[in-house]
Amino acid sequence: MSRLDAADPIPGDKHSCDAVDVVVVPRARDLGGFEVRRALPSIERRMVGPFVFFDQMGPAALGAGQGMDVRPHPHIGLATLTYLFDGEVMHRDSLGNEIAIRPGELNWMTAGRGIVHSERTPQPLRRAGSRLWGIQSWVALASKDEECEPAFVHHDAGDMPVVSDGGVEARIIAGSVLGAASPVATSSPTFYADVTLRSGAAFPLDPDYEERAVYPVSGSIEISGDVFGAERLLVFRPGDRITITAPDGARFMALGGESMEGRRYIWWNFVSSSRERIEQAKQDWKAGRFDPVPNDAEFIPLPEPDAKPVDYP
């Protein structure tokens, strides 16, 4: 490619470059009692940094007798991140962990070579009725960690630093944002933050990480003169300095990291750099070779008919 003499684009300036590279409108699906909106993977964008899956649960009001019931199911090659704005979910896994997650807390489950877990509304809330609103995301593991021992860590809300300055409040879930670093260990360079802006406040998203995105969960945000409503994933071009404002206040998740070192495949709940490894996981689940969740005989069967794994460049 030859070089053309022209003025370089000004990072973040609407007239010289587009701040937002891709806008993903999530696909909505009714799970019976509450709706899930899936932003990743999508046709427009497969991954953002190591984030390979991004689901918004709710907001939903669950009546008496209702609740979320995700029966035991397996994972390999990824870490699941569960973060709530409202409600409560009981996590149980094949390592013997049993713990409820509440707003502002974090469940970080590393599947590695294989783990099984369930997610359900606790019985007291099921009897009385409750609310559910939150984000579940998956991050692909670096190749060196894909077959690591499975692990689970619960972080209380107070474990993660909160930066409050000039109408900005940011809870740093992973990585480093606004000069504050989370204690959460990650497999590859990753950042994740829950950000609230008061009217007129500004949040700078510097190009510290190669791939970056934001997902407004309430209110509208403004970037380079364009206004974006809630429940869409905005993916930025690398290298631009981004400033996010909220004319009337907003809350959003900021996420991303470095791109993965190689190709990833995803099929059902399995993520791997190897197609053969996914095929092995499918056969292991069908044959009952995963460790079970203690005292829970239920399980989600392998989807039939078998589908091809999705290719993540």
C-alpha atoms as a PDB file:
ATOM      1  CA  MET A   1       0.000   0.000   0.000  1.00  0.00           C
ATOM      2  CA  SER A   2       1.357   3.421  -0.915  1.00  0.00           C
ATOM      3  CA  ARG A   3       1.181   6.386   1.430  1.00  0.00           C
ATOM      4  CA  LEU A   4      -1.044   9.313   0.481  1.00  0.00           C
ATOM      5  CA  ASP A   5      -0.113  12.730   1.813  1.00  0.00           C
ATOM      6  CA  ALA A   6      -3.066  13.952   3.851  1.00  0.00           C
ATOM      7  CA  ALA A   7      -3.813  15.337   7.275  1.00  0.00           C
ATOM      8  CA  ASP A   8      -3.791  12.686   9.969  1.00  0.00           C
ATOM      9  CA  PRO A   9      -7.117  12.062  11.721  1.00  0.00           C
ATOM     10  CA  ILE A  10      -7.580  13.737  15.080  1.00  0.00           C
ATOM     11  CA  PRO A  11      -8.355  11.032  17.676  1.00  0.00           C
ATOM     12  CA  GLY A  12     -11.947  11.295  18.871  1.00  0.00           C
ATOM     13  CA  ASP A  13     -12.856  14.140  16.466  1.00  0.00           C
ATOM     14  CA  LYS A  14     -16.086  13.350  14.634  1.00  0.00           C
ATOM     15  CA  HIS A  15     -15.100  15.283  11.522  1.00  0.00           C
ATOM     16  CA  SER A  16     -11.762  13.519  11.012  1.00  0.00           C
ATOM     17  CA  CYS A  17     -12.505   9.974  12.158  1.00  0.00           C
ATOM     18  CA  ASP A  18     -15.422   7.900  13.390  1.00  0.00           C
ATOM     19  CA  ALA A  19     -15.150   7.289  17.112  1.00  0.00           C
ATOM     20  CA  VAL A  20     -17.509   4.278  17.034  1.00  0.00           C
ATOM     21  CA  ASP A  21     -16.462   1.456  14.730  1.00  0.00           C
ATOM     22  CA  VAL A  22     -19.408  -0.903  15.231  1.00  0.00           C
ATOM     23  CA  VAL A  23     -22.822  -0.636  16.885  1.00  0.00           C
ATOM     24  CA  VAL A  24     -24.300  -3.997  17.909  1.00  0.00           C
ATOM     25  CA  VAL A  25     -28.019  -4.124  18.683  1.00  0.00           C
ATOM     26  CA  PRO A  26     -28.489  -7.219  20.888  1.00  0.00           C
ATOM     27  CA  ARG A  27     -30.796 -10.034  19.917  1.00  0.00           C
ATOM     28  CA  ALA A  28     -33.614 -10.446  22.457  1.00  0.00           C
ATOM     29  CA  ARG A  29     -34.866 -13.824  23.638  1.00  0.00           C
ATOM     30  CA  ASP A  30     -37.628 -14.655  26.114  1.00  0.00           C
ATOM     31  CA  LEU A  31     -36.550 -17.303  28.620  1.00  0.00           C
ATOM     32  CA  GLY A  32     -39.945 -17.526  30.285  1.00  0.00           C
ATOM     33  CA  GLY A  33     -40.435 -14.819  32.865  1.00  0.00           C
ATOM     34  CA  PHE A  34     -37.495 -12.661  31.817  1.00  0.00           C
ATOM     35  CA  GLU A  35     -35.754 -11.509  28.659  1.00  0.00           C
ATOM     36  CA  VAL A  36     -32.105 -11.894  27.700  1.00  0.00           C
ATOM     37  CA  ARG A  37     -30.360  -9.584  25.211  1.00  0.00           C
ATOM     38  CA  ARG A  38     -27.213 -10.993  23.583  1.00  0.00           C
ATOM     39  CA  ALA A  39     -24.628  -8.523  22.251  1.00  0.00           C
ATOM     40  CA  LEU A  40     -21.751 -10.985  21.763  1.00  0.00           C
ATOM     41  CA  PRO A  41     -21.252 -12.988  19.680  1.00  0.00           C
ATOM     42  CA  SER A  42     -22.973 -11.198  16.798  1.00  0.00           C
ATOM     43  CA  ILE A  43     -22.679 -10.931  13.039  1.00  0.00           C
ATOM     44  CA  GLU A  44     -21.218  -7.452  13.445  1.00  0.00           C
ATOM     45  CA  ARG A  45     -18.628  -8.397  16.047  1.00  0.00           C
ATOM     46  CA  ARG A  46     -17.474 -11.748  17.393  1.00  0.00           C
ATOM     47  CA  MET A  47     -15.206 -10.628  20.235  1.00  0.00           C
ATOM     48  CA  VAL A  48     -13.979  -7.511  22.042  1.00  0.00           C
ATOM     49  CA  GLY A  49     -10.583  -8.292  23.536  1.00  0.00           C
ATOM     50  CA  PRO A  50     -11.073 -11.620  25.316  1.00  0.00           C
ATOM     51  CA  PHE A  51     -14.849 -11.056  25.726  1.00  0.00           C
ATOM     52  CA  VAL A  52     -16.516 -13.741  23.642  1.00  0.00           C
ATOM     53  CA  PHE A  53     -20.042 -13.612  25.082  1.00  0.00           C
ATOM     54  CA  PHE A  54     -22.077 -10.757  26.580  1.00  0.00           C
ATOM     55  CA  ASP A  55     -25.675 -11.181  27.797  1.00  0.00           C
ATOM     56  CA  GLN A  56     -27.958  -8.748  29.600  1.00  0.00           C
ATOM     57  CA  MET A  57     -30.485 -10.464  31.876  1.00  0.00           C
ATOM     58  CA  GLY A  58     -33.652  -8.443  32.540  1.00  0.00           C
ATOM     59  CA  PRO A  59     -34.572  -6.073  34.036  1.00  0.00           C
ATOM     60  CA  ALA A  60     -37.452  -8.277  35.037  1.00  0.00           C
ATOM     61  CA  ALA A  61     -39.965  -8.613  37.856  1.00  0.00           C
ATOM     62  CA  LEU A  62     -40.349 -12.266  38.822  1.00  0.00           C
ATOM     63  CA  GLY A  63     -43.646 -13.005  40.508  1.00  0.00           C
ATOM     64  CA  ALA A  64     -44.199 -15.302  43.478  1.00  0.00           C
ATOM     65  CA  GLY A  65     -43.344 -18.837  42.468  1.00  0.00           C
ATOM     66  CA  GLN A  66     -41.185 -17.695  39.561  1.00  0.00           C
ATOM     67  CA  GLY A  67     -37.434 -17.653  39.243  1.00  0.00           C
ATOM     68  CA  MET A  68     -34.411 -18.312  37.085  1.00  0.00           C
ATOM     69  CA  ASP A  69     -33.565 -21.986  36.677  1.00  0.00           C
ATOM     70  CA  VAL A  70     -30.400 -22.735  34.723  1.00  0.00           C
ATOM     71  CA  ARG A  71     -29.759 -26.416  35.362  1.00  0.00           C
ATOM     72  CA  PRO A  72     -26.216 -27.822  35.649  1.00  0.00           C
ATOM     73  CA  HIS A  73     -24.249 -27.415  32.411  1.00  0.00           C
ATOM     74  CA  PRO A  74     -20.555 -27.632  31.437  1.00  0.00           C
ATOM     75  CA  HIS A  75     -17.901 -25.145  30.308  1.00  0.00           C
ATOM     76  CA  ILE A  76     -14.330 -25.415  29.045  1.00  0.00           C
ATOM     77  CA  GLY A  77     -11.665 -22.911  27.969  1.00  0.00           C
ATOM     78  CA  LEU A  78     -13.261 -19.754  29.362  1.00  0.00           C
ATOM     79  CA  ALA A  79     -14.094 -17.771  32.472  1.00  0.00           C
ATOM     80  CA  THR A  80     -17.668 -16.707  33.235  1.00  0.00           C
ATOM     81  CA  LEU A  81     -18.304 -13.312  34.862  1.00  0.00           C
ATOM     82  CA  THR A  82     -21.637 -12.701  36.574  1.00  0.00           C
ATOM     83  CA  TYR A  83     -22.443  -9.165  37.746  1.00  0.00           C
ATOM     84  CA  LEU A  84     -25.852  -7.974  39.008  1.00  0.00           C
ATOM     85  CA  PHE A  85     -27.546  -4.587  39.212  1.00  0.00           C
ATOM     86  CA  ASP A  86     -30.644  -6.005  40.934  1.00  0.00           C
ATOM     87  CA  GLY A  87     -31.763  -9.323  42.397  1.00  0.00           C
ATOM     88  CA  GLU A  88     -29.895 -12.383  43.603  1.00  0.00           C
ATOM     89  CA  VAL A  89     -28.678 -15.611  42.004  1.00  0.00           C
ATOM     90  CA  MET A  90     -27.486 -18.792  43.720  1.00  0.00           C
ATOM     91  CA  HIS A  91     -24.377 -20.323  42.142  1.00  0.00           C
ATOM     92  CA  ARG A  92     -23.490 -23.994  42.644  1.00  0.00           C
ATOM     93  CA  ASP A  93     -20.654 -25.808  40.888  1.00  0.00           C
ATOM     94  CA  SER A  94     -18.843 -29.128  40.588  1.00  0.00           C
ATOM     95  CA  LEU A  95     -16.050 -27.880  42.882  1.00  0.00           C
ATOM     96  CA  GLY A  96     -18.562 -27.766  45.743  1.00  0.00           C
ATOM     97  CA  ASN A  97     -19.018 -23.988  45.812  1.00  0.00           C
ATOM     98  CA  GLU A  98     -22.448 -22.711  46.796  1.00  0.00           C
ATOM     99  CA  ILE A  99     -22.814 -18.950  47.098  1.00  0.00           C
ATOM    100  CA  ALA A 100     -25.347 -16.240  46.322  1.00  0.00           C
ATOM    101  CA  ILE A 101     -24.341 -13.224  44.255  1.00  0.00           C
ATOM    102  CA  ARG A 102     -25.916  -9.821  44.891  1.00  0.00           C
ATOM    103  CA  PRO A 103     -25.658  -6.386  43.233  1.00  0.00           C
ATOM    104  CA  GLY A 104     -22.128  -4.981  43.002  1.00  0.00           C
ATOM    105  CA  GLU A 105     -20.521  -8.374  43.667  1.00  0.00           C
ATOM    106  CA  LEU A 106     -18.691 -10.569  41.164  1.00  0.00           C
ATOM    107  CA  ASN A 107     -18.629 -14.292  40.487  1.00  0.00           C
ATOM    108  CA  TRP A 108     -15.549 -15.212  38.421  1.00  0.00           C
ATOM    109  CA  MET A 109     -15.582 -18.876  37.425  1.00  0.00           C
ATOM    110  CA  THR A 110     -12.617 -20.245  35.485  1.00  0.00           C
ATOM    111  CA  ALA A 111     -13.618 -23.358  33.557  1.00  0.00           C
ATOM    112  CA  GLY A 112     -10.183 -24.380  32.285  1.00  0.00           C
ATOM    113  CA  ARG A 113     -10.234 -28.087  31.458  1.00  0.00           C
ATOM    114  CA  GLY A 114     -13.859 -28.350  32.583  1.00  0.00           C
ATOM    115  CA  ILE A 115     -16.412 -27.302  35.194  1.00  0.00           C
ATOM    116  CA  VAL A 116     -20.156 -27.697  35.700  1.00  0.00           C
ATOM    117  CA  HIS A 117     -22.433 -25.174  37.402  1.00  0.00           C
ATOM    118  CA  SER A 118     -26.044 -24.148  37.910  1.00  0.00           C
ATOM    119  CA  GLU A 119     -27.661 -20.741  38.441  1.00  0.00           C
ATOM    120  CA  ARG A 120     -31.011 -20.414  40.184  1.00  0.00           C
ATOM    121  CA  THR A 121     -33.147 -17.933  42.073  1.00  0.00           C
ATOM    122  CA  PRO A 122     -32.815 -18.703  45.826  1.00  0.00           C
ATOM    123  CA  GLN A 123     -35.883 -20.354  47.328  1.00  0.00           C
ATOM    124  CA  PRO A 124     -36.851 -17.499  49.703  1.00  0.00           C
ATOM    125  CA  LEU A 125     -36.930 -15.030  46.795  1.00  0.00           C
ATOM    126  CA  ARG A 126     -38.748 -17.543  44.612  1.00  0.00           C
ATOM    127  CA  ARG A 127     -41.532 -17.809  47.176  1.00  0.00           C
ATOM    128  CA  ALA A 128     -41.884 -14.058  47.676  1.00  0.00           C
ATOM    129  CA  GLY A 129     -41.096 -12.815  44.165  1.00  0.00           C
ATOM    130  CA  SER A 130     -38.013 -10.828  43.187  1.00  0.00           C
ATOM    131  CA  ARG A 131     -36.270  -8.822  40.496  1.00  0.00           C
ATOM    132  CA  LEU A 132     -33.460  -9.809  38.150  1.00  0.00           C
ATOM    133  CA  TRP A 133     -31.131  -7.500  36.231  1.00  0.00           C
ATOM    134  CA  GLY A 134     -27.502  -8.043  35.391  1.00  0.00           C
ATOM    135  CA  ILE A 135     -24.798  -9.006  32.934  1.00  0.00           C
ATOM    136  CA  GLN A 136     -23.219 -12.371  32.316  1.00  0.00           C
ATOM    137  CA  SER A 137     -20.141 -12.401  30.113  1.00  0.00           C
ATOM    138  CA  TRP A 138     -17.517 -14.925  29.126  1.00  0.00           C
ATOM    139  CA  VAL A 139     -13.841 -14.240  28.513  1.00  0.00           C
ATOM    140  CA  ALA A 140     -11.727 -16.640  26.489  1.00  0.00           C
ATOM    141  CA  LEU A 141      -8.649 -17.906  28.303  1.00  0.00           C
ATOM    142  CA  ALA A 142      -5.138 -17.438  26.963  1.00  0.00           C
ATOM    143  CA  SER A 143      -3.807 -20.569  25.258  1.00  0.00           C
ATOM    144  CA  LYS A 144      -1.526 -21.312  28.211  1.00  0.00           C
ATOM    145  CA  ASP A 145      -4.555 -21.411  30.544  1.00  0.00           C
ATOM    146  CA  GLU A 146      -7.158 -23.205  28.422  1.00  0.00           C
ATOM    147  CA  GLU A 147      -6.518 -26.513  30.205  1.00  0.00           C
ATOM    148  CA  CYS A 148      -5.836 -25.107  33.673  1.00  0.00           C
ATOM    149  CA  GLU A 149      -7.514 -26.507  36.776  1.00  0.00           C
ATOM    150  CA  PRO A 150     -11.052 -25.149  37.191  1.00  0.00           C
ATOM    151  CA  ALA A 151     -11.524 -22.494  39.868  1.00  0.00           C
ATOM    152  CA  PHE A 152     -14.160 -20.195  41.327  1.00  0.00           C
ATOM    153  CA  VAL A 153     -13.737 -16.867  43.123  1.00  0.00           C
ATOM    154  CA  HIS A 154     -16.448 -14.664  44.638  1.00  0.00           C
ATOM    155  CA  HIS A 155     -15.630 -10.993  45.155  1.00  0.00           C
ATOM    156  CA  ASP A 156     -17.701  -8.832  47.490  1.00  0.00           C
ATOM    157  CA  ALA A 157     -18.611  -5.336  46.321  1.00  0.00           C
ATOM    158  CA  GLY A 158     -16.001  -3.883  48.692  1.00  0.00           C
ATOM    159  CA  ASP A 159     -13.205  -5.912  47.086  1.00  0.00           C
ATOM    160  CA  MET A 160     -13.206  -3.774  43.946  1.00  0.00           C
ATOM    161  CA  PRO A 161     -12.019  -0.152  43.949  1.00  0.00           C
ATOM    162  CA  VAL A 162     -14.528   2.614  43.239  1.00  0.00           C
ATOM    163  CA  VAL A 163     -13.360   5.877  41.649  1.00  0.00           C
ATOM    164  CA  SER A 164     -15.601   8.897  42.332  1.00  0.00           C
ATOM    165  CA  ASP A 165     -14.658  12.197  40.734  1.00  0.00           C
ATOM    166  CA  GLY A 166     -16.542  15.052  39.057  1.00  0.00           C
ATOM    167  CA  GLY A 167     -19.839  13.237  38.638  1.00  0.00           C
ATOM    168  CA  VAL A 168     -18.177   9.969  37.586  1.00  0.00           C
ATOM    169  CA  GLU A 169     -18.446   6.834  39.707  1.00  0.00           C
ATOM    170  CA  ALA A 170     -16.671   3.754  38.382  1.00  0.00           C
ATOM    171  CA  ARG A 171     -16.416   0.357  40.037  1.00  0.00           C
ATOM    172  CA  ILE A 172     -13.298  -1.315  38.587  1.00  0.00           C
ATOM    173  CA  ILE A 173     -14.219  -4.980  38.164  1.00  0.00           C
ATOM    174  CA  ALA A 174     -11.089  -6.080  36.269  1.00  0.00           C
ATOM    175  CA  GLY A 175      -7.936  -4.459  34.968  1.00  0.00           C
ATOM    176  CA  SER A 176      -6.999  -0.810  35.402  1.00  0.00           C
ATOM    177  CA  VAL A 177      -9.295   2.154  34.683  1.00  0.00           C
ATOM    178  CA  LEU A 178      -8.937   5.808  35.727  1.00  0.00           C
ATOM    179  CA  GLY A 179      -5.715   4.991  37.547  1.00  0.00           C
ATOM    180  CA  ALA A 180      -7.298   2.356  39.810  1.00  0.00           C
ATOM    181  CA  ALA A 181      -6.581  -1.369  39.489  1.00  0.00           C
ATOM    182  CA  SER A 182      -8.838  -4.267  40.418  1.00  0.00           C
ATOM    183  CA  PRO A 183      -7.402  -7.164  42.446  1.00  0.00           C
ATOM    184  CA  VAL A 184      -9.219  -9.647  40.191  1.00  0.00           C
ATOM    185  CA  ALA A 185      -6.741 -11.914  38.386  1.00  0.00           C
ATOM    186  CA  THR A 186      -7.198 -12.303  34.622  1.00  0.00           C
ATOM    187  CA  SER A 187      -5.714 -14.719  32.093  1.00  0.00           C
ATOM    188  CA  SER A 188      -4.839 -11.951  29.601  1.00  0.00           C
ATOM    189  CA  PRO A 189      -4.919  -8.111  29.650  1.00  0.00           C
ATOM    190  CA  THR A 190      -8.592  -7.324  30.340  1.00  0.00           C
ATOM    191  CA  PHE A 191     -10.605  -4.410  31.677  1.00  0.00           C
ATOM    192  CA  TYR A 192     -14.182  -4.263  32.914  1.00  0.00           C
ATOM    193  CA  ALA A 193     -15.931  -1.459  34.812  1.00  0.00           C
ATOM    194  CA  ASP A 194     -19.403  -0.424  35.956  1.00  0.00           C
ATOM    195  CA  VAL A 195     -19.617   3.343  35.301  1.00  0.00           C
ATOM    196  CA  THR A 196     -22.292   5.833  36.369  1.00  0.00           C
ATOM    197  CA  LEU A 197     -22.263   9.391  34.996  1.00  0.00           C
ATOM    198  CA  ARG A 198     -24.247  12.273  36.408  1.00  0.00           C
ATOM    199  CA  SER A 199     -25.643  14.830  33.972  1.00  0.00           C
ATOM    200  CA  GLY A 200     -22.800  16.807  32.417  1.00  0.00           C
ATOM    201  CA  ALA A 201     -20.023  14.510  33.680  1.00  0.00           C
ATOM    202  CA  ALA A 202     -17.367  13.120  31.325  1.00  0.00           C
ATOM    203  CA  PHE A 203     -15.621   9.740  31.323  1.00  0.00           C
ATOM    204  CA  PRO A 204     -12.308   9.450  29.398  1.00  0.00           C
ATOM    205  CA  LEU A 205     -11.642   6.062  27.821  1.00  0.00           C
ATOM    206  CA  ASP A 206      -7.981   6.259  26.879  1.00  0.00           C
ATOM    207  CA  PRO A 207      -6.397   3.784  24.400  1.00  0.00           C
ATOM    208  CA  ASP A 208      -4.677   1.791  27.160  1.00  0.00           C
ATOM    209  CA  TYR A 209      -6.126  -1.427  25.716  1.00  0.00           C
ATOM    210  CA  GLU A 210      -6.216  -2.521  22.087  1.00  0.00           C
ATOM    211  CA  GLU A 211      -9.949  -3.323  21.935  1.00  0.00           C
ATOM    212  CA  ARG A 212     -12.618  -1.349  23.812  1.00  0.00           C
ATOM    213  CA  ALA A 213     -16.392  -1.128  23.988  1.00  0.00           C
ATOM    214  CA  VAL A 214     -19.155   0.266  26.163  1.00  0.00           C
ATOM    215  CA  TYR A 215     -22.645  -1.051  26.802  1.00  0.00           C
ATOM    216  CA  PRO A 216     -25.161   1.471  28.234  1.00  0.00           C
ATOM    217  CA  VAL A 217     -27.614  -0.219  30.594  1.00  0.00           C
ATOM    218  CA  SER A 218     -29.664   2.888  31.423  1.00  0.00           C
ATOM    219  CA  GLY A 219     -29.861   6.433  30.079  1.00  0.00           C
ATOM    220  CA  SER A 220     -28.185   7.764  26.946  1.00  0.00           C
ATOM    221  CA  ILE A 221     -24.544   8.601  26.297  1.00  0.00           C
ATOM    222  CA  GLU A 222     -22.935  11.036  23.873  1.00  0.00           C
ATOM    223  CA  ILE A 223     -19.721  10.367  21.957  1.00  0.00           C
ATOM    224  CA  SER A 224     -18.266  12.844  19.456  1.00  0.00           C
ATOM    225  CA  GLY A 225     -21.638  14.524  19.030  1.00  0.00           C
ATOM    226  CA  ASP A 226     -23.620  11.299  18.506  1.00  0.00           C
ATOM    227  CA  VAL A 227     -26.148  10.123  21.101  1.00  0.00           C
ATOM    228  CA  PHE A 228     -26.661   6.414  21.784  1.00  0.00           C
ATOM    229  CA  GLY A 229     -29.440   4.864  23.842  1.00  0.00           C
ATOM    230  CA  ALA A 230     -29.276   1.934  26.222  1.00  0.00           C
ATOM    231  CA  GLU A 231     -28.903  -1.748  25.412  1.00  0.00           C
ATOM    232  CA  ARG A 232     -26.456  -1.633  22.509  1.00  0.00           C
ATOM    233  CA  LEU A 233     -22.764  -2.439  22.340  1.00  0.00           C
ATOM    234  CA  LEU A 234     -20.561   0.356  20.983  1.00  0.00           C
ATOM    235  CA  VAL A 235     -17.169  -0.863  19.791  1.00  0.00           C
ATOM    236  CA  PHE A 236     -14.411   1.741  19.288  1.00  0.00           C
ATOM    237  CA  ARG A 237     -11.567   1.953  16.834  1.00  0.00           C
ATOM    238  CA  PRO A 238      -8.120   1.206  18.324  1.00  0.00           C
ATOM    239  CA  GLY A 239      -5.982   4.161  19.300  1.00  0.00           C
ATOM    240  CA  ASP A 240      -8.596   6.889  19.623  1.00  0.00           C
ATOM    241  CA  ARG A 241      -8.998   8.802  22.847  1.00  0.00           C
ATOM    242  CA  ILE A 242     -12.709   8.615  23.625  1.00  0.00           C
ATOM    243  CA  THR A 243     -14.707  10.934  25.874  1.00  0.00           C
ATOM    244  CA  ILE A 244     -18.150   9.767  26.976  1.00  0.00           C
ATOM    245  CA  THR A 245     -20.730  12.193  28.364  1.00  0.00           C
ATOM    246  CA  ALA A 246     -24.322  11.770  29.493  1.00  0.00           C
ATOM    247  CA  PRO A 247     -26.646  14.761  28.976  1.00  0.00           C
ATOM    248  CA  ASP A 248     -29.199  13.367  31.432  1.00  0.00           C
ATOM    249  CA  GLY A 249     -27.083  10.846  33.339  1.00  0.00           C
ATOM    250  CA  ALA A 250     -26.373   7.235  32.410  1.00  0.00           C
ATOM    251  CA  ARG A 251     -24.925   3.924  33.535  1.00  0.00           C
ATOM    252  CA  PHE A 252     -22.799   1.714  31.304  1.00  0.00           C
ATOM    253  CA  MET A 253     -20.336  -1.156  31.317  1.00  0.00           C
ATOM    254  CA  ALA A 254     -16.878  -0.478  29.844  1.00  0.00           C
ATOM    255  CA  LEU A 255     -15.047  -3.580  28.639  1.00  0.00           C
ATOM    256  CA  GLY A 256     -12.261  -4.933  26.477  1.00  0.00           C
ATOM    257  CA  GLY A 257      -8.590  -5.839  26.506  1.00  0.00           C
ATOM    258  CA  GLU A 258      -5.918  -7.155  24.204  1.00  0.00           C
ATOM    259  CA  SER A 259      -6.977  -9.289  21.237  1.00  0.00           C
ATOM    260  CA  MET A 260      -6.443 -13.018  21.669  1.00  0.00           C
ATOM    261  CA  GLU A 261      -3.159 -14.506  20.490  1.00  0.00           C
ATOM    262  CA  GLY A 262      -4.919 -16.918  18.109  1.00  0.00           C
ATOM    263  CA  ARG A 263      -8.175 -18.210  16.678  1.00  0.00           C
ATOM    264  CA  ARG A 264     -11.029 -19.242  18.968  1.00  0.00           C
ATOM    265  CA  TYR A 265     -13.975 -21.555  18.346  1.00  0.00           C
ATOM    266  CA  ILE A 266     -17.212 -21.618  20.299  1.00  0.00           C
ATOM    267  CA  TRP A 267     -19.896 -24.276  20.375  1.00  0.00           C
ATOM    268  CA  TRP A 268     -22.684 -24.181  22.962  1.00  0.00           C
ATOM    269  CA  ASN A 269     -20.876 -23.569  26.297  1.00  0.00           C
ATOM    270  CA  PHE A 270     -17.417 -24.561  25.068  1.00  0.00           C
ATOM    271  CA  VAL A 271     -14.636 -22.195  23.924  1.00  0.00           C
ATOM    272  CA  SER A 272     -11.293 -23.411  22.626  1.00  0.00           C
ATOM    273  CA  SER A 273      -8.460 -22.741  20.193  1.00  0.00           C
ATOM    274  CA  SER A 274      -8.929 -26.337  19.013  1.00  0.00           C
ATOM    275  CA  ARG A 275     -11.912 -27.825  17.168  1.00  0.00           C
ATOM    276  CA  GLU A 276     -10.830 -31.265  18.367  1.00  0.00           C
ATOM    277  CA  ARG A 277     -10.960 -30.140  22.000  1.00  0.00           C
ATOM    278  CA  ILE A 278     -14.548 -29.002  21.560  1.00  0.00           C
ATOM    279  CA  GLU A 279     -15.475 -32.352  20.014  1.00  0.00           C
ATOM    280  CA  GLN A 280     -13.888 -34.100  22.999  1.00  0.00           C
ATOM    281  CA  ALA A 281     -15.864 -31.911  25.430  1.00  0.00           C
ATOM    282  CA  LYS A 282     -19.106 -32.753  23.618  1.00  0.00           C
ATOM    283  CA  GLN A 283     -18.428 -36.472  23.937  1.00  0.00           C
ATOM    284  CA  ASP A 284     -17.349 -36.108  27.576  1.00  0.00           C
ATOM    285  CA  TRP A 285     -20.624 -34.366  28.468  1.00  0.00           C
ATOM    286  CA  LYS A 286     -22.735 -36.963  26.635  1.00  0.00           C
ATOM    287  CA  ALA A 287     -20.842 -39.764  28.392  1.00  0.00           C
ATOM    288  CA  GLY A 288     -21.135 -38.187  31.863  1.00  0.00           C
ATOM    289  CA  ARG A 289     -17.403 -37.709  32.305  1.00  0.00           C
ATOM    290  CA  PHE A 290     -17.642 -34.175  33.775  1.00  0.00           C
ATOM    291  CA  ASP A 291     -17.722 -33.905  37.567  1.00  0.00           C
ATOM    292  CA  PRO A 292     -21.328 -33.268  38.705  1.00  0.00           C
ATOM    293  CA  VAL A 293     -22.714 -30.492  40.883  1.00  0.00           C
ATOM    294  CA  PRO A 294     -23.151 -32.097  44.342  1.00  0.00           C
ATOM    295  CA  ASN A 295     -26.716 -32.992  45.305  1.00  0.00           C
ATOM    296  CA  ASP A 296     -28.169 -31.943  41.955  1.00  0.00           C
ATOM    297  CA  ALA A 297     -29.117 -34.740  39.568  1.00  0.00           C
ATOM    298  CA  GLU A 298     -30.535 -32.393  36.912  1.00  0.00           C
ATOM    299  CA  PHE A 299     -28.554 -31.359  33.846  1.00  0.00           C
ATOM    300  CA  ILE A 300     -28.932 -29.686  30.463  1.00  0.00           C
ATOM    301  CA  PRO A 301     -28.389 -32.272  27.716  1.00  0.00           C
ATOM    302  CA  LEU A 302     -26.074 -31.664  24.789  1.00  0.00           C
ATOM    303  CA  PRO A 303     -27.999 -29.809  22.059  1.00  0.00           C
ATOM    304  CA  GLU A 304     -29.175 -31.971  19.209  1.00  0.00           C
ATOM    305  CA  PRO A 305     -28.620 -32.075  16.332  1.00  0.00           C
ATOM    306  CA  ASP A 306     -24.945 -31.231  16.682  1.00  0.00           C
ATOM    307  CA  ALA A 307     -23.899 -27.914  15.166  1.00  0.00           C
ATOM    308  CA  LYS A 308     -20.544 -26.756  13.880  1.00  0.00           C
ATOM    309  CA  PRO A 309     -18.438 -24.577  16.202  1.00  0.00           C
ATOM    310  CA  VAL A 310     -18.377 -20.872  15.438  1.00  0.00           C
ATOM    311  CA  ASP A 311     -15.071 -19.569  14.095  1.00  0.00           C
ATOM    312  CA  TYR A 312     -13.681 -16.550  15.995  1.00  0.00           C
ATOM    313  CA  PRO A 313     -10.888 -14.879  14.055  1.00  0.00           C
END
